[in-house]
Amino acid sequence: MAASQRCRRRKFMMIREQIEAKLRAAFDPMYLEVVDESYRHNVPAGSESHFKVVLVSDRFTGERFLNRHRMIYGTLTEELSNTVHALALHTYTIKEWEALQDTVFASPPCRGAGSIA
């Protein structure tokens, strides 16, 4: 692997890890999964622009889904203003998560111009 590819790979991992660290600190989740879905979109290889977040936390108790999303957007302001273009958010309280029996819905296919999906 060329040095430039290794550098991009490290940078990519850093964004996912940065998102994960910020969400862990802000929400003390019972379950957290941050998945890079950039490969599913018409973006250059190595892009770090599209992520799926599954977050289960009692911090969401009593909050509507829109407010839950706003809470996450507020936590990730820096990432959203720079490299992250899209977040597919799946937010649950522990009780909601248990009712789903750990089922998570897939992100929708890319509908952007020249999409590869």
Protein backbone atom coordinates (compact mmCIF):
# COMPACT_ATOMS: atom_id res chain seq x y z
CA MET A 1 0.00 0.00 0.00
CA ALA A 2 1.40 3.41 -0.96
CA ALA A 3 2.23 5.94 1.75
CA SER A 4 -0.54 8.30 0.60
CA GLN A 5 -3.10 5.48 0.84
CA ARG A 6 -1.93 4.60 4.36
CA CYS A 7 -2.23 8.26 5.36
CA ARG A 8 -5.78 8.48 3.98
CA ARG A 9 -6.67 5.20 5.70
CA ARG A 10 -5.41 6.49 9.07
CA LYS A 11 -7.26 9.77 8.59
CA PHE A 12 -10.45 7.85 7.74
CA MET A 13 -10.20 5.73 10.84
CA MET A 14 -9.56 8.81 12.89
CA ILE A 15 -12.87 10.41 11.83
CA ARG A 16 -14.89 7.29 12.69
CA GLU A 17 -13.04 6.96 15.98
CA GLN A 18 -13.51 10.66 16.72
CA ILE A 19 -17.26 10.36 16.11
CA GLU A 20 -17.41 7.29 18.33
CA ALA A 21 -15.43 8.94 21.14
CA LYS A 22 -17.61 12.07 21.13
CA LEU A 23 -20.83 10.07 21.16
CA ARG A 24 -19.58 7.82 23.99
CA ALA A 25 -18.67 10.87 26.07
CA ALA A 26 -21.96 12.68 25.42
CA PHE A 27 -24.44 9.80 25.67
CA ASP A 28 -22.87 7.03 27.80
CA PRO A 29 -24.45 4.49 25.45
CA MET A 30 -25.47 0.95 26.25
CA TYR A 31 -24.73 0.19 22.59
CA LEU A 32 -22.95 2.26 19.95
CA GLU A 33 -22.05 1.38 16.40
CA VAL A 34 -20.51 3.81 13.93
CA VAL A 35 -20.28 2.43 10.39
CA ASP A 36 -18.62 4.10 7.42
CA GLU A 37 -21.01 3.85 4.47
CA SER A 38 -19.07 6.11 2.12
CA TYR A 39 -18.29 3.17 -0.17
CA ARG A 40 -22.03 2.95 -0.96
CA HIS A 41 -22.02 6.44 -2.45
CA ASN A 42 -20.57 8.14 -5.49
CA VAL A 43 -17.57 9.64 -3.72
CA PRO A 44 -13.84 9.21 -4.26
CA ALA A 45 -12.22 6.14 -2.74
CA GLY A 46 -11.11 6.80 0.81
CA SER A 47 -13.77 9.43 1.41
CA GLU A 48 -15.09 9.73 4.94
CA SER A 49 -18.37 11.40 4.26
CA HIS A 50 -21.28 9.04 5.00
CA PHE A 51 -21.79 7.26 8.32
CA LYS A 52 -24.48 5.19 9.99
CA VAL A 53 -24.83 5.58 13.74
CA VAL A 54 -26.78 3.18 15.95
CA LEU A 55 -26.96 4.67 19.43
CA VAL A 56 -28.82 3.21 22.41
CA SER A 57 -28.90 5.42 25.48
CA ASP A 58 -31.23 6.31 28.31
CA ARG A 59 -30.34 9.95 27.55
CA PHE A 60 -33.05 9.64 24.88
CA THR A 61 -35.81 8.80 27.37
CA GLY A 62 -38.69 11.23 26.85
CA GLU A 63 -37.09 12.75 23.74
CA ARG A 64 -38.74 12.67 20.33
CA PHE A 65 -36.69 11.32 17.43
CA LEU A 66 -36.13 14.79 15.98
CA ASN A 67 -34.68 16.04 19.25
CA ARG A 68 -32.50 12.94 19.54
CA HIS A 69 -31.06 13.72 16.13
CA ARG A 70 -30.51 17.35 17.10
CA MET A 71 -28.63 16.16 20.19
CA ILE A 72 -26.30 14.10 18.00
CA TYR A 73 -25.87 16.89 15.44
CA GLY A 74 -24.93 19.24 18.27
CA THR A 75 -22.34 16.78 19.52
CA LEU A 76 -20.85 16.35 16.03
CA THR A 77 -20.94 19.99 14.88
CA GLU A 78 -17.25 20.03 13.92
CA GLU A 79 -17.43 16.84 11.86
CA LEU A 80 -20.63 17.89 10.10
CA SER A 81 -19.16 21.26 9.15
CA ASN A 82 -16.02 19.67 7.69
CA THR A 83 -15.84 16.12 6.36
CA VAL A 84 -19.10 14.37 7.22
CA HIS A 85 -21.79 14.86 4.59
CA ALA A 86 -24.47 12.48 5.87
CA LEU A 87 -25.47 10.58 8.99
CA ALA A 88 -28.03 7.79 9.00
CA LEU A 89 -29.19 7.88 12.61
CA HIS A 90 -30.85 5.04 14.50
CA THR A 91 -31.50 6.26 18.05
CA TYR A 92 -33.17 4.24 20.79
CA THR A 93 -33.72 4.14 24.52
CA ILE A 94 -32.70 0.87 26.16
CA LYS A 95 -36.38 -0.10 26.45
CA GLU A 96 -36.99 0.59 22.73
CA TRP A 97 -33.86 -1.37 21.79
CA GLU A 98 -34.96 -4.38 23.83
CA ALA A 99 -38.38 -4.28 22.15
CA LEU A 100 -36.67 -4.37 18.74
CA GLN A 101 -34.68 -7.42 19.85
CA ASP A 102 -31.47 -5.85 18.54
CA THR A 103 -32.90 -5.37 15.03
CA VAL A 104 -31.45 -2.41 13.16
CA PHE A 105 -32.78 -1.20 9.86
CA ALA A 106 -30.45 -0.73 6.92
CA SER A 107 -29.64 2.71 5.61
CA PRO A 108 -31.43 3.72 2.41
CA PRO A 109 -29.56 3.33 -0.88
CA CYS A 110 -27.69 6.28 -2.31
CA ARG A 111 -29.90 8.48 -4.48
CA GLY A 112 -27.28 11.08 -5.33
CA ALA A 113 -26.26 12.06 -8.83
CA GLY A 114 -24.36 9.22 -10.45
CA SER A 115 -24.99 6.93 -7.50
CA ILE A 116 -23.42 3.51 -7.52
CA ALA A 117 -26.22 1.82 -5.57
